[in-house]
Amino acid sequence: MSQFQAFLSSTPLAAGNAPYVEAMYEQYLADPQSVEPKWREYFASLGGPSGEVAHGPLVEQLAQRAKGGARRGRAPRPGRRPTPAAPRSRVPCRA
C-alpha cells in the first residue's frame, strides 16, 4: 500500500466512511446547527450552491414515482422503448 493510500484510508473521508459522511451532510443541509462545529465549517468550506436542500427526501420521492409506473401523459421510464406498431404489408390485398 502506498503512503497516499494509507493516508486516504485513515481519513474520515475514506470510501468506507462515505455513507456516514453523506448522512452527516444531509443532516447539515437540513439543519446546519445539528452537526458539530468542525463538520459545519468543513461543509461550509465546500462552497455548495446556496439554497441546496437535503437529497434524501428527493431521492425517496423519485423512487416512489418510479414504483408507480408511467402515468398517462408522462414520458416512459428511461431504458424502455415504446411498443412498436405491427409492420405494414407492402403487398396490396386482393379479394
PDB file of N, CA and C in Angstrom:
ATOM      1  N   MET A   1       0.854  -1.171   0.000  1.00  0.00           N
ATOM      2  CA  MET A   1       0.000   0.000   0.000  1.00  0.00           C
ATOM      3  C   MET A   1       0.901   1.235   0.000  1.00  0.00           C
ATOM      4  N   SER A   2       0.592   2.180  -0.896  1.00  0.00           N
ATOM      5  CA  SER A   2       1.397   3.400  -0.965  1.00  0.00           C
ATOM      6  C   SER A   2       1.113   4.291   0.233  1.00  0.00           C
ATOM      7  N   GLN A   3       1.975   5.242   0.434  1.00  0.00           N
ATOM      8  CA  GLN A   3       1.801   6.175   1.557  1.00  0.00           C
ATOM      9  C   GLN A   3       0.504   6.973   1.383  1.00  0.00           C
ATOM     10  N   PHE A   4       0.203   7.355   0.140  1.00  0.00           N
ATOM     11  CA  PHE A   4      -1.031   8.105  -0.125  1.00  0.00           C
ATOM     12  C   PHE A   4      -2.259   7.251   0.193  1.00  0.00           C
ATOM     13  N   GLN A   5      -2.262   5.980  -0.238  1.00  0.00           N
ATOM     14  CA  GLN A   5      -3.386   5.103   0.031  1.00  0.00           C
ATOM     15  C   GLN A   5      -3.572   4.891   1.533  1.00  0.00           C
ATOM     16  N   ALA A   6      -2.448   4.767   2.252  1.00  0.00           N
ATOM     17  CA  ALA A   6      -2.526   4.600   3.706  1.00  0.00           C
ATOM     18  C   ALA A   6      -3.128   5.845   4.349  1.00  0.00           C
ATOM     19  N   PHE A   7      -2.715   7.019   3.869  1.00  0.00           N
ATOM     20  CA  PHE A   7      -3.252   8.273   4.404  1.00  0.00           C
ATOM     21  C   PHE A   7      -4.739   8.380   4.110  1.00  0.00           C
ATOM     22  N   LEU A   8      -5.126   8.094   2.857  1.00  0.00           N
ATOM     23  CA  LEU A   8      -6.519   8.223   2.461  1.00  0.00           C
ATOM     24  C   LEU A   8      -7.416   7.279   3.257  1.00  0.00           C
ATOM     25  N   SER A   9      -6.965   6.060   3.492  1.00  0.00           N
ATOM     26  CA  SER A   9      -7.792   5.106   4.209  1.00  0.00           C
ATOM     27  C   SER A   9      -7.940   5.458   5.684  1.00  0.00           C
ATOM     28  N   SER A  10      -7.091   6.341   6.192  1.00  0.00           N
ATOM     29  CA  SER A  10      -7.178   6.710   7.604  1.00  0.00           C
ATOM     30  C   SER A  10      -7.914   8.017   7.852  1.00  0.00           C
ATOM     31  N   THR A  11      -8.431   8.644   6.797  1.00  0.00           N
ATOM     32  CA  THR A  11      -9.157   9.903   6.955  1.00  0.00           C
ATOM     33  C   THR A  11     -10.644   9.640   7.110  1.00  0.00           C
ATOM     34  N   PRO A  12     -11.381  10.585   7.661  1.00  0.00           N
ATOM     35  CA  PRO A  12     -12.835  10.421   7.782  1.00  0.00           C
ATOM     36  C   PRO A  12     -13.531  10.358   6.430  1.00  0.00           C
ATOM     37  N   LEU A  13     -12.842  10.794   5.364  1.00  0.00           N
ATOM     38  CA  LEU A  13     -13.461  10.812   4.043  1.00  0.00           C
ATOM     39  C   LEU A  13     -13.163   9.554   3.245  1.00  0.00           C
ATOM     40  N   ALA A  14     -12.589   8.539   3.860  1.00  0.00           N
ATOM     41  CA  ALA A  14     -12.290   7.286   3.172  1.00  0.00           C
ATOM     42  C   ALA A  14     -13.578   6.661   2.660  1.00  0.00           C
ATOM     43  N   ALA A  15     -13.465   5.842   1.646  1.00  0.00           N
ATOM     44  CA  ALA A  15     -14.641   5.255   1.000  1.00  0.00           C
ATOM     45  C   ALA A  15     -15.534   4.493   1.970  1.00  0.00           C
ATOM     46  N   GLY A  16     -14.948   3.827   2.949  1.00  0.00           N
ATOM     47  CA  GLY A  16     -15.745   3.087   3.912  1.00  0.00           C
ATOM     48  C   GLY A  16     -16.613   3.982   4.769  1.00  0.00           C
ATOM     49  N   ASN A  17     -16.239   5.245   4.861  1.00  0.00           N
ATOM     50  CA  ASN A  17     -16.994   6.206   5.669  1.00  0.00           C
ATOM     51  C   ASN A  17     -17.963   7.040   4.833  1.00  0.00           C
ATOM     52  N   ALA A  18     -18.021   6.783   3.553  1.00  0.00           N
ATOM     53  CA  ALA A  18     -18.851   7.600   2.668  1.00  0.00           C
ATOM     54  C   ALA A  18     -20.313   7.673   3.120  1.00  0.00           C
ATOM     55  N   PRO A  19     -20.948   6.558   3.479  1.00  0.00           N
ATOM     56  CA  PRO A  19     -22.346   6.658   3.919  1.00  0.00           C
ATOM     57  C   PRO A  19     -22.498   7.539   5.163  1.00  0.00           C
ATOM     58  N   TYR A  20     -21.538   7.445   6.078  1.00  0.00           N
ATOM     59  CA  TYR A  20     -21.573   8.263   7.299  1.00  0.00           C
ATOM     60  C   TYR A  20     -21.447   9.740   6.949  1.00  0.00           C
ATOM     61  N   VAL A  21     -20.471  10.070   6.110  1.00  0.00           N
ATOM     62  CA  VAL A  21     -20.247  11.474   5.742  1.00  0.00           C
ATOM     63  C   VAL A  21     -21.442  12.006   4.951  1.00  0.00           C
ATOM     64  N   GLU A  22     -21.987  11.168   4.069  1.00  0.00           N
ATOM     65  CA  GLU A  22     -23.155  11.598   3.296  1.00  0.00           C
ATOM     66  C   GLU A  22     -24.348  11.867   4.210  1.00  0.00           C
ATOM     67  N   ALA A  23     -24.562  11.001   5.190  1.00  0.00           N
ATOM     68  CA  ALA A  23     -25.660  11.208   6.142  1.00  0.00           C
ATOM     69  C   ALA A  23     -25.438  12.479   6.955  1.00  0.00           C
ATOM     70  N   MET A  24     -24.180  12.716   7.324  1.00  0.00           N
ATOM     71  CA  MET A  24     -23.860  13.928   8.082  1.00  0.00           C
ATOM     72  C   MET A  24     -24.128  15.167   7.214  1.00  0.00           C
ATOM     73  N   TYR A  25     -23.783  15.091   5.932  1.00  0.00           N
ATOM     74  CA  TYR A  25     -24.016  16.217   5.026  1.00  0.00           C
ATOM     75  C   TYR A  25     -25.518  16.458   4.849  1.00  0.00           C
ATOM     76  N   GLU A  26     -26.279  15.379   4.724  1.00  0.00           N
ATOM     77  CA  GLU A  26     -27.741  15.507   4.636  1.00  0.00           C
ATOM     78  C   GLU A  26     -28.279  16.212   5.878  1.00  0.00           C
ATOM     79  N   GLN A  27     -27.766  15.822   7.022  1.00  0.00           N
ATOM     80  CA  GLN A  27     -28.188  16.434   8.288  1.00  0.00           C
ATOM     81  C   GLN A  27     -27.810  17.912   8.299  1.00  0.00           C
ATOM     82  N   TYR A  28     -26.606  18.218   7.811  1.00  0.00           N
ATOM     83  CA  TYR A  28     -26.139  19.606   7.737  1.00  0.00           C
ATOM     84  C   TYR A  28     -27.058  20.432   6.833  1.00  0.00           C
ATOM     85  N   LEU A  29     -27.455  19.852   5.687  1.00  0.00           N
ATOM     86  CA  LEU A  29     -28.331  20.583   4.767  1.00  0.00           C
ATOM     87  C   LEU A  29     -29.688  20.856   5.396  1.00  0.00           C
ATOM     88  N   ALA A  30     -30.184  19.895   6.154  1.00  0.00           N
ATOM     89  CA  ALA A  30     -31.485  20.064   6.802  1.00  0.00           C
ATOM     90  C   ALA A  30     -31.408  21.078   7.946  1.00  0.00           C
ATOM     91  N   ASP A  31     -30.308  21.021   8.723  1.00  0.00           N
ATOM     92  CA  ASP A  31     -30.138  21.919   9.871  1.00  0.00           C
ATOM     93  C   ASP A  31     -28.651  22.030  10.199  1.00  0.00           C
ATOM     94  N   PRO A  32     -27.973  23.066   9.709  1.00  0.00           N
ATOM     95  CA  PRO A  32     -26.526  23.203   9.932  1.00  0.00           C
ATOM     96  C   PRO A  32     -26.127  23.172  11.409  1.00  0.00           C
ATOM     97  N   GLN A  33     -26.990  23.629  12.288  1.00  0.00           N
ATOM     98  CA  GLN A  33     -26.659  23.665  13.712  1.00  0.00           C
ATOM     99  C   GLN A  33     -26.676  22.275  14.354  1.00  0.00           C
ATOM    100  N   SER A  34     -27.178  21.273  13.640  1.00  0.00           N
ATOM    101  CA  SER A  34     -27.292  19.935  14.219  1.00  0.00           C
ATOM    102  C   SER A  34     -26.008  19.112  14.111  1.00  0.00           C
ATOM    103  N   VAL A  35     -25.003  19.627  13.401  1.00  0.00           N
ATOM    104  CA  VAL A  35     -23.726  18.915  13.308  1.00  0.00           C
ATOM    105  C   VAL A  35     -22.665  19.660  14.099  1.00  0.00           C
ATOM    106  N   GLU A  36     -21.588  18.961  14.430  1.00  0.00           N
ATOM    107  CA  GLU A  36     -20.512  19.571  15.205  1.00  0.00           C
ATOM    108  C   GLU A  36     -19.901  20.740  14.441  1.00  0.00           C
ATOM    109  N   PRO A  37     -19.389  21.736  15.163  1.00  0.00           N
ATOM    110  CA  PRO A  37     -18.834  22.924  14.508  1.00  0.00           C
ATOM    111  C   PRO A  37     -17.757  22.618  13.462  1.00  0.00           C
ATOM    112  N   LYS A  38     -16.886  21.629  13.727  1.00  0.00           N
ATOM    113  CA  LYS A  38     -15.837  21.316  12.748  1.00  0.00           C
ATOM    114  C   LYS A  38     -16.431  20.803  11.441  1.00  0.00           C
ATOM    115  N   TRP A  39     -17.463  19.958  11.534  1.00  0.00           N
ATOM    116  CA  TRP A  39     -18.111  19.464  10.330  1.00  0.00           C
ATOM    117  C   TRP A  39     -18.853  20.599   9.634  1.00  0.00           C
ATOM    118  N   ARG A  40     -19.484  21.462  10.415  1.00  0.00           N
ATOM    119  CA  ARG A  40     -20.195  22.604   9.841  1.00  0.00           C
ATOM    120  C   ARG A  40     -19.232  23.470   9.040  1.00  0.00           C
ATOM    121  N   GLU A  41     -18.056  23.737   9.607  1.00  0.00           N
ATOM    122  CA  GLU A  41     -17.040  24.531   8.905  1.00  0.00           C
ATOM    123  C   GLU A  41     -16.592  23.826   7.627  1.00  0.00           C
ATOM    124  N   TYR A  42     -16.387  22.515   7.736  1.00  0.00           N
ATOM    125  CA  TYR A  42     -15.931  21.757   6.568  1.00  0.00           C
ATOM    126  C   TYR A  42     -16.969  21.814   5.447  1.00  0.00           C
ATOM    127  N   PHE A  43     -18.232  21.519   5.781  1.00  0.00           N
ATOM    128  CA  PHE A  43     -19.275  21.527   4.754  1.00  0.00           C
ATOM    129  C   PHE A  43     -19.461  22.923   4.171  1.00  0.00           C
ATOM    130  N   ALA A  44     -19.366  23.940   5.009  1.00  0.00           N
ATOM    131  CA  ALA A  44     -19.495  25.317   4.515  1.00  0.00           C
ATOM    132  C   ALA A  44     -18.344  25.667   3.569  1.00  0.00           C
ATOM    133  N   SER A  45     -17.161  25.108   3.836  1.00  0.00           N
ATOM    134  CA  SER A  45     -15.994  25.403   3.004  1.00  0.00           C
ATOM    135  C   SER A  45     -16.087  24.768   1.621  1.00  0.00           C
ATOM    136  N   LEU A  46     -16.979  23.788   1.450  1.00  0.00           N
ATOM    137  CA  LEU A  46     -17.123  23.138   0.146  1.00  0.00           C
ATOM    138  C   LEU A  46     -17.708  24.086  -0.885  1.00  0.00           C
ATOM    139  N   GLY A  47     -18.386  25.122  -0.410  1.00  0.00           N
ATOM    140  CA  GLY A  47     -18.915  26.134  -1.328  1.00  0.00           C
ATOM    141  C   GLY A  47     -20.030  25.626  -2.217  1.00  0.00           C
ATOM    142  N   GLY A  48     -20.887  24.786  -1.687  1.00  0.00           N
ATOM    143  CA  GLY A  48     -22.016  24.280  -2.466  1.00  0.00           C
ATOM    144  C   GLY A  48     -22.955  25.402  -2.851  1.00  0.00           C
ATOM    145  N   PRO A  49     -23.871  25.104  -3.760  1.00  0.00           N
ATOM    146  CA  PRO A  49     -24.815  26.137  -4.191  1.00  0.00           C
ATOM    147  C   PRO A  49     -25.702  26.589  -3.040  1.00  0.00           C
ATOM    148  N   SER A  50     -25.960  27.874  -2.989  1.00  0.00           N
ATOM    149  CA  SER A  50     -26.833  28.381  -1.931  1.00  0.00           C
ATOM    150  C   SER A  50     -28.242  27.862  -2.177  1.00  0.00           C
ATOM    151  N   GLY A  51     -28.934  27.570  -1.114  1.00  0.00           N
ATOM    152  CA  GLY A  51     -30.284  27.045  -1.245  1.00  0.00           C
ATOM    153  C   GLY A  51     -30.329  25.551  -1.501  1.00  0.00           C
ATOM    154  N   GLU A  52     -29.185  24.865  -1.434  1.00  0.00           N
ATOM    155  CA  GLU A  52     -29.180  23.415  -1.634  1.00  0.00           C
ATOM    156  C   GLU A  52     -29.978  22.762  -0.513  1.00  0.00           C
ATOM    157  N   VAL A  53     -30.741  21.759  -0.856  1.00  0.00           N
ATOM    158  CA  VAL A  53     -31.575  21.064   0.120  1.00  0.00           C
ATOM    159  C   VAL A  53     -31.107  19.621   0.258  1.00  0.00           C
ATOM    160  N   ALA A  54     -31.532  18.981   1.326  1.00  0.00           N
ATOM    161  CA  ALA A  54     -31.176  17.586   1.553  1.00  0.00           C
ATOM    162  C   ALA A  54     -31.661  16.729   0.387  1.00  0.00           C
ATOM    163  N   HIS A  55     -30.828  15.793  -0.035  1.00  0.00           N
ATOM    164  CA  HIS A  55     -31.150  14.972  -1.195  1.00  0.00           C
ATOM    165  C   HIS A  55     -32.017  13.769  -0.844  1.00  0.00           C
ATOM    166  N   GLY A  56     -31.938  13.304   0.389  1.00  0.00           N
ATOM    167  CA  GLY A  56     -32.673  12.107   0.803  1.00  0.00           C
ATOM    168  C   GLY A  56     -34.158  12.157   0.484  1.00  0.00           C
ATOM    169  N   PRO A  57     -34.867  13.221   0.885  1.00  0.00           N
ATOM    170  CA  PRO A  57     -36.299  13.283   0.576  1.00  0.00           C
ATOM    171  C   PRO A  57     -36.585  13.302  -0.924  1.00  0.00           C
ATOM    172  N   LEU A  58     -35.726  13.945  -1.701  1.00  0.00           N
ATOM    173  CA  LEU A  58     -35.931  13.990  -3.151  1.00  0.00           C
ATOM    174  C   LEU A  58     -35.738  12.613  -3.769  1.00  0.00           C
ATOM    175  N   VAL A  59     -34.719  11.896  -3.317  1.00  0.00           N
ATOM    176  CA  VAL A  59     -34.465  10.549  -3.820  1.00  0.00           C
ATOM    177  C   VAL A  59     -35.644   9.643  -3.487  1.00  0.00           C
ATOM    178  N   GLU A  60     -36.181   9.783  -2.296  1.00  0.00           N
ATOM    179  CA  GLU A  60     -37.328   8.968  -1.888  1.00  0.00           C
ATOM    180  C   GLU A  60     -38.548   9.262  -2.761  1.00  0.00           C
ATOM    181  N   GLN A  61     -38.790  10.531  -3.062  1.00  0.00           N
ATOM    182  CA  GLN A  61     -39.925  10.892  -3.921  1.00  0.00           C
ATOM    183  C   GLN A  61     -39.760  10.303  -5.318  1.00  0.00           C
ATOM    184  N   LEU A  62     -38.540  10.365  -5.850  1.00  0.00           N
ATOM    185  CA  LEU A  62     -38.297   9.803  -7.179  1.00  0.00           C
ATOM    186  C   LEU A  62     -38.494   8.292  -7.180  1.00  0.00           C
ATOM    187  N   ALA A  63     -38.053   7.632  -6.113  1.00  0.00           N
ATOM    188  CA  ALA A  63     -38.226   6.181  -6.017  1.00  0.00           C
ATOM    189  C   ALA A  63     -39.711   5.826  -5.967  1.00  0.00           C
ATOM    190  N   GLN A  64     -40.493   6.599  -5.227  1.00  0.00           N
ATOM    191  CA  GLN A  64     -41.933   6.341  -5.143  1.00  0.00           C
ATOM    192  C   GLN A  64     -42.607   6.543  -6.499  1.00  0.00           C
ATOM    193  N   ARG A  65     -42.195   7.565  -7.222  1.00  0.00           N
ATOM    194  CA  ARG A  65     -42.772   7.807  -8.545  1.00  0.00           C
ATOM    195  C   ARG A  65     -42.407   6.681  -9.504  1.00  0.00           C
ATOM    196  N   ALA A  66     -41.172   6.192  -9.409  1.00  0.00           N
ATOM    197  CA  ALA A  66     -40.730   5.108 -10.286  1.00  0.00           C
ATOM    198  C   ALA A  66     -41.519   3.832 -10.005  1.00  0.00           C
ATOM    199  N   LYS A  67     -41.837   3.586  -8.739  1.00  0.00           N
ATOM    200  CA  LYS A  67     -42.612   2.396  -8.390  1.00  0.00           C
ATOM    201  C   LYS A  67     -44.029   2.494  -8.935  1.00  0.00           C
ATOM    202  N   GLY A  68     -44.544   3.723  -9.051  1.00  0.00           N
ATOM    203  CA  GLY A  68     -45.909   3.925  -9.527  1.00  0.00           C
ATOM    204  C   GLY A  68     -46.056   3.690 -11.014  1.00  0.00           C
ATOM    205  N   GLY A  69     -44.968   3.631 -11.748  1.00  0.00           N
ATOM    206  CA  GLY A  69     -45.018   3.406 -13.192  1.00  0.00           C
ATOM    207  C   GLY A  69     -45.348   4.667 -13.952  1.00  0.00           C
ATOM    208  N   ALA A  70     -45.211   4.585 -15.236  1.00  0.00           N
ATOM    209  CA  ALA A  70     -45.511   5.736 -16.097  1.00  0.00           C
ATOM    210  C   ALA A  70     -47.013   5.960 -16.110  1.00  0.00           C
ATOM    211  N   ARG A  71     -47.398   7.188 -15.965  1.00  0.00           N
ATOM    212  CA  ARG A  71     -48.819   7.550 -15.999  1.00  0.00           C
ATOM    213  C   ARG A  71     -49.117   8.244 -17.310  1.00  0.00           C
ATOM    214  N   ARG A  72     -50.381   8.288 -17.612  1.00  0.00           N
ATOM    215  CA  ARG A  72     -50.816   8.911 -18.855  1.00  0.00           C
ATOM    216  C   ARG A  72     -50.267  10.326 -18.963  1.00  0.00           C
ATOM    217  N   GLY A  73     -49.700  10.638 -20.140  1.00  0.00           N
ATOM    218  CA  GLY A  73     -49.188  11.978 -20.375  1.00  0.00           C
ATOM    219  C   GLY A  73     -47.763  12.176 -19.909  1.00  0.00           C
ATOM    220  N   ARG A  74     -47.157  11.151 -19.339  1.00  0.00           N
ATOM    221  CA  ARG A  74     -45.779  11.286 -18.881  1.00  0.00           C
ATOM    222  C   ARG A  74     -44.860  10.490 -19.786  1.00  0.00           C
ATOM    223  N   ALA A  75     -43.619  10.888 -19.799  1.00  0.00           N
ATOM    224  CA  ALA A  75     -42.630  10.197 -20.616  1.00  0.00           C
ATOM    225  C   ALA A  75     -42.374   8.795 -20.070  1.00  0.00           C
ATOM    226  N   PRO A  76     -42.044   7.838 -20.943  1.00  0.00           N
ATOM    227  CA  PRO A  76     -41.730   6.497 -20.454  1.00  0.00           C
ATOM    228  C   PRO A  76     -40.445   6.508 -19.638  1.00  0.00           C
ATOM    229  N   ARG A  77     -40.309   5.510 -18.797  1.00  0.00           N
ATOM    230  CA  ARG A  77     -39.103   5.418 -17.980  1.00  0.00           C
ATOM    231  C   ARG A  77     -37.886   5.214 -18.867  1.00  0.00           C
ATOM    232  N   PRO A  78     -36.736   5.764 -18.460  1.00  0.00           N
ATOM    233  CA  PRO A  78     -35.511   5.588 -19.247  1.00  0.00           C
ATOM    234  C   PRO A  78     -35.205   4.098 -19.419  1.00  0.00           C
ATOM    235  N   GLY A  79     -34.694   3.749 -20.594  1.00  0.00           N
ATOM    236  CA  GLY A  79     -34.322   2.372 -20.851  1.00  0.00           C
ATOM    237  C   GLY A  79     -35.437   1.540 -21.451  1.00  0.00           C
ATOM    238  N   ARG A  80     -36.629   2.070 -21.463  1.00  0.00           N
ATOM    239  CA  ARG A  80     -37.757   1.344 -22.052  1.00  0.00           C
ATOM    240  C   ARG A  80     -38.094   1.950 -23.397  1.00  0.00           C
ATOM    241  N   ARG A  81     -38.352   1.075 -24.362  1.00  0.00           N
ATOM    242  CA  ARG A  81     -38.744   1.537 -25.688  1.00  0.00           C
ATOM    243  C   ARG A  81     -40.248   1.405 -25.835  1.00  0.00           C
ATOM    244  N   PRO A  82     -40.847   2.298 -26.584  1.00  0.00           N
ATOM    245  CA  PRO A  82     -42.282   2.152 -26.815  1.00  0.00           C
ATOM    246  C   PRO A  82     -42.551   0.869 -27.607  1.00  0.00           C
ATOM    247  N   THR A  83     -43.721   0.305 -27.433  1.00  0.00           N
ATOM    248  CA  THR A  83     -44.084  -0.906 -28.162  1.00  0.00           C
ATOM    249  C   THR A  83     -44.236  -0.549 -29.631  1.00  0.00           C
ATOM    250  N   PRO A  84     -43.522  -1.262 -30.505  1.00  0.00           N
ATOM    251  CA  PRO A  84     -43.625  -0.920 -31.935  1.00  0.00           C
ATOM    252  C   PRO A  84     -44.964  -1.349 -32.514  1.00  0.00           C
ATOM    253  N   ALA A  85     -45.402  -0.616 -33.526  1.00  0.00           N
ATOM    254  CA  ALA A  85     -46.644  -0.959 -34.214  1.00  0.00           C
ATOM    255  C   ALA A  85     -46.398  -2.191 -35.080  1.00  0.00           C
ATOM    256  N   ALA A  86     -47.470  -2.891 -35.411  1.00  0.00           N
ATOM    257  CA  ALA A  86     -47.345  -4.064 -36.285  1.00  0.00           C
ATOM    258  C   ALA A  86     -46.841  -3.604 -37.641  1.00  0.00           C
ATOM    259  N   PRO A  87     -45.957  -4.393 -38.257  1.00  0.00           N
ATOM    260  CA  PRO A  87     -45.437  -3.985 -39.573  1.00  0.00           C
ATOM    261  C   PRO A  87     -46.552  -3.972 -40.616  1.00  0.00           C
ATOM    262  N   ARG A  88     -46.444  -3.032 -41.516  1.00  0.00           N
ATOM    263  CA  ARG A  88     -47.446  -2.916 -42.578  1.00  0.00           C
ATOM    264  C   ARG A  88     -46.994  -3.710 -43.798  1.00  0.00           C
ATOM    265  N   SER A  89     -47.944  -4.314 -44.421  1.00  0.00           N
ATOM    266  CA  SER A  89     -47.628  -5.076 -45.625  1.00  0.00           C
ATOM    267  C   SER A  89     -47.530  -4.127 -46.801  1.00  0.00           C
ATOM    268  N   ARG A  90     -46.564  -4.369 -47.654  1.00  0.00           N
ATOM    269  CA  ARG A  90     -46.390  -3.538 -48.847  1.00  0.00           C
ATOM    270  C   ARG A  90     -47.079  -4.175 -50.060  1.00  0.00           C
ATOM    271  N   VAL A  91     -47.566  -5.376 -49.870  1.00  0.00           N
ATOM    272  CA  VAL A  91     -48.245  -6.069 -50.971  1.00  0.00           C
ATOM    273  C   VAL A  91     -49.744  -5.789 -50.863  1.00  0.00           C
ATOM    274  N   PRO A  92     -50.369  -5.277 -51.910  1.00  0.00           N
ATOM    275  CA  PRO A  92     -51.797  -4.982 -51.832  1.00  0.00           C
ATOM    276  C   PRO A  92     -52.598  -6.268 -51.664  1.00  0.00           C
ATOM    277  N   CYS A  93     -53.627  -6.184 -50.872  1.00  0.00           N
ATOM    278  CA  CYS A  93     -54.513  -7.319 -50.651  1.00  0.00           C
ATOM    279  C   CYS A  93     -55.520  -7.390 -51.788  1.00  0.00           C
ATOM    280  N   ARG A  94     -55.753  -8.616 -52.298  1.00  0.00           N
ATOM    281  CA  ARG A  94     -56.745  -8.800 -53.349  1.00  0.00           C
ATOM    282  C   ARG A  94     -57.823  -9.725 -52.847  1.00  0.00           C
ATOM    283  N   ALA A  95     -59.007  -9.357 -53.116  1.00  0.00           N
ATOM    284  CA  ALA A  95     -60.130 -10.168 -52.659  1.00  0.00           C
ATOM    285  C   ALA A  95     -60.617 -11.121 -53.693  1.00  0.00           C
TER     286      ALA A  95
END
